[in-house]
Amino acid sequence: MRQRTELGNQNEVGANIARLRNERGWTQGDLLVKLELMGIHLSARRISELEGQQREIRGVELKALAEIFGVTIDQLYQKEN
């Protein structure tokens, strides 16, 4: 797996989304399937850009991701210690 060396500044949740996905052993493809089941249609590139903080996140995506991961939206924004 390729490691990202530098994060962008387009959103504040991408690194947490990547961490939560990896903690569950999911691929980006797995996450895409879960999002599609909730009516959110993204490409693999858009997920990669989101996790790399290279694009802004839409509210509907934020809400769906919180539900998929079983966390609050506030928890998606929390900085890791």
Protein backbone atom coordinates (compact mmCIF):
# COMPACT_ATOMS: atom_id res chain seq x y z
CA MET A 1 0.00 0.00 0.00
CA ARG A 2 1.26 3.46 -0.91
CA GLN A 3 1.77 5.79 2.05
CA ARG A 4 0.73 9.41 1.73
CA THR A 5 3.52 11.74 2.76
CA GLU A 6 1.75 15.08 2.80
CA LEU A 7 -1.85 16.05 3.49
CA GLY A 8 -3.62 18.93 1.81
CA ASN A 9 -5.64 21.59 3.55
CA GLN A 10 -9.03 21.31 1.87
CA ASN A 11 -10.76 19.52 4.76
CA GLU A 12 -10.10 18.62 8.39
CA VAL A 13 -11.51 15.09 8.43
CA GLY A 14 -9.66 13.20 5.69
CA ALA A 15 -6.91 11.80 7.90
CA ASN A 16 -9.48 10.53 10.40
CA ILE A 17 -11.53 8.92 7.64
CA ALA A 18 -8.44 7.09 6.40
CA ARG A 19 -7.54 6.03 9.96
CA LEU A 20 -11.04 4.75 10.71
CA ARG A 21 -11.17 2.88 7.41
CA ASN A 22 -7.78 1.26 8.02
CA GLU A 23 -8.68 0.33 11.62
CA ARG A 24 -11.59 -1.66 10.22
CA GLY A 25 -9.43 -3.34 7.58
CA TRP A 26 -11.46 -1.81 4.76
CA THR A 27 -10.14 -0.82 1.38
CA GLN A 28 -11.22 2.38 -0.30
CA GLY A 29 -13.37 0.13 -2.52
CA ASP A 30 -15.10 -1.29 0.56
CA LEU A 31 -15.86 2.25 1.72
CA LEU A 32 -17.17 3.18 -1.73
CA VAL A 33 -19.63 0.26 -1.63
CA LYS A 34 -20.90 1.34 1.79
CA LEU A 35 -21.32 4.92 0.58
CA GLU A 36 -23.14 3.77 -2.56
CA LEU A 37 -25.58 1.76 -0.44
CA MET A 38 -26.40 5.07 1.26
CA GLY A 39 -26.90 6.85 -2.07
CA ILE A 40 -23.51 8.60 -2.13
CA HIS A 41 -21.79 7.96 -5.47
CA LEU A 42 -18.07 8.74 -5.57
CA SER A 43 -15.11 7.49 -7.57
CA ALA A 44 -12.04 5.91 -6.00
CA ARG A 45 -10.15 9.07 -6.94
CA ARG A 46 -12.63 11.23 -5.00
CA ILE A 47 -12.18 9.04 -1.89
CA SER A 48 -8.41 9.30 -2.23
CA GLU A 49 -8.64 13.09 -2.57
CA LEU A 50 -10.91 13.24 0.46
CA GLU A 51 -8.59 11.14 2.63
CA GLY A 52 -5.60 13.16 1.44
CA GLN A 53 -7.43 16.37 2.30
CA GLN A 54 -7.14 17.44 -1.33
CA ARG A 55 -10.82 18.34 -1.69
CA GLU A 56 -13.63 19.70 0.43
CA ILE A 57 -16.20 17.35 1.92
CA ARG A 58 -19.90 17.82 1.30
CA GLY A 59 -22.30 17.74 4.22
CA VAL A 60 -24.12 14.69 2.89
CA GLU A 61 -20.79 12.82 2.68
CA LEU A 62 -19.86 13.85 6.20
CA LYS A 63 -23.17 12.62 7.60
CA ALA A 64 -22.96 9.31 5.73
CA LEU A 65 -19.36 8.68 6.79
CA ALA A 66 -20.18 9.33 10.45
CA GLU A 67 -23.01 6.80 10.20
CA ILE A 68 -20.87 4.21 8.39
CA PHE A 69 -18.10 4.45 10.99
CA GLY A 70 -20.50 4.66 13.95
CA VAL A 71 -19.07 7.95 15.17
CA THR A 72 -20.36 11.49 15.53
CA ILE A 73 -19.50 14.23 13.08
CA ASP A 74 -17.59 15.91 15.92
CA GLN A 75 -15.47 12.77 16.30
CA LEU A 76 -14.54 12.95 12.60
CA TYR A 77 -13.06 16.39 13.32
CA GLN A 78 -11.11 15.40 16.45
CA LYS A 79 -7.34 15.60 16.23
CA GLU A 80 -5.43 12.45 17.12
CA ASN A 81 -3.33 12.59 20.29
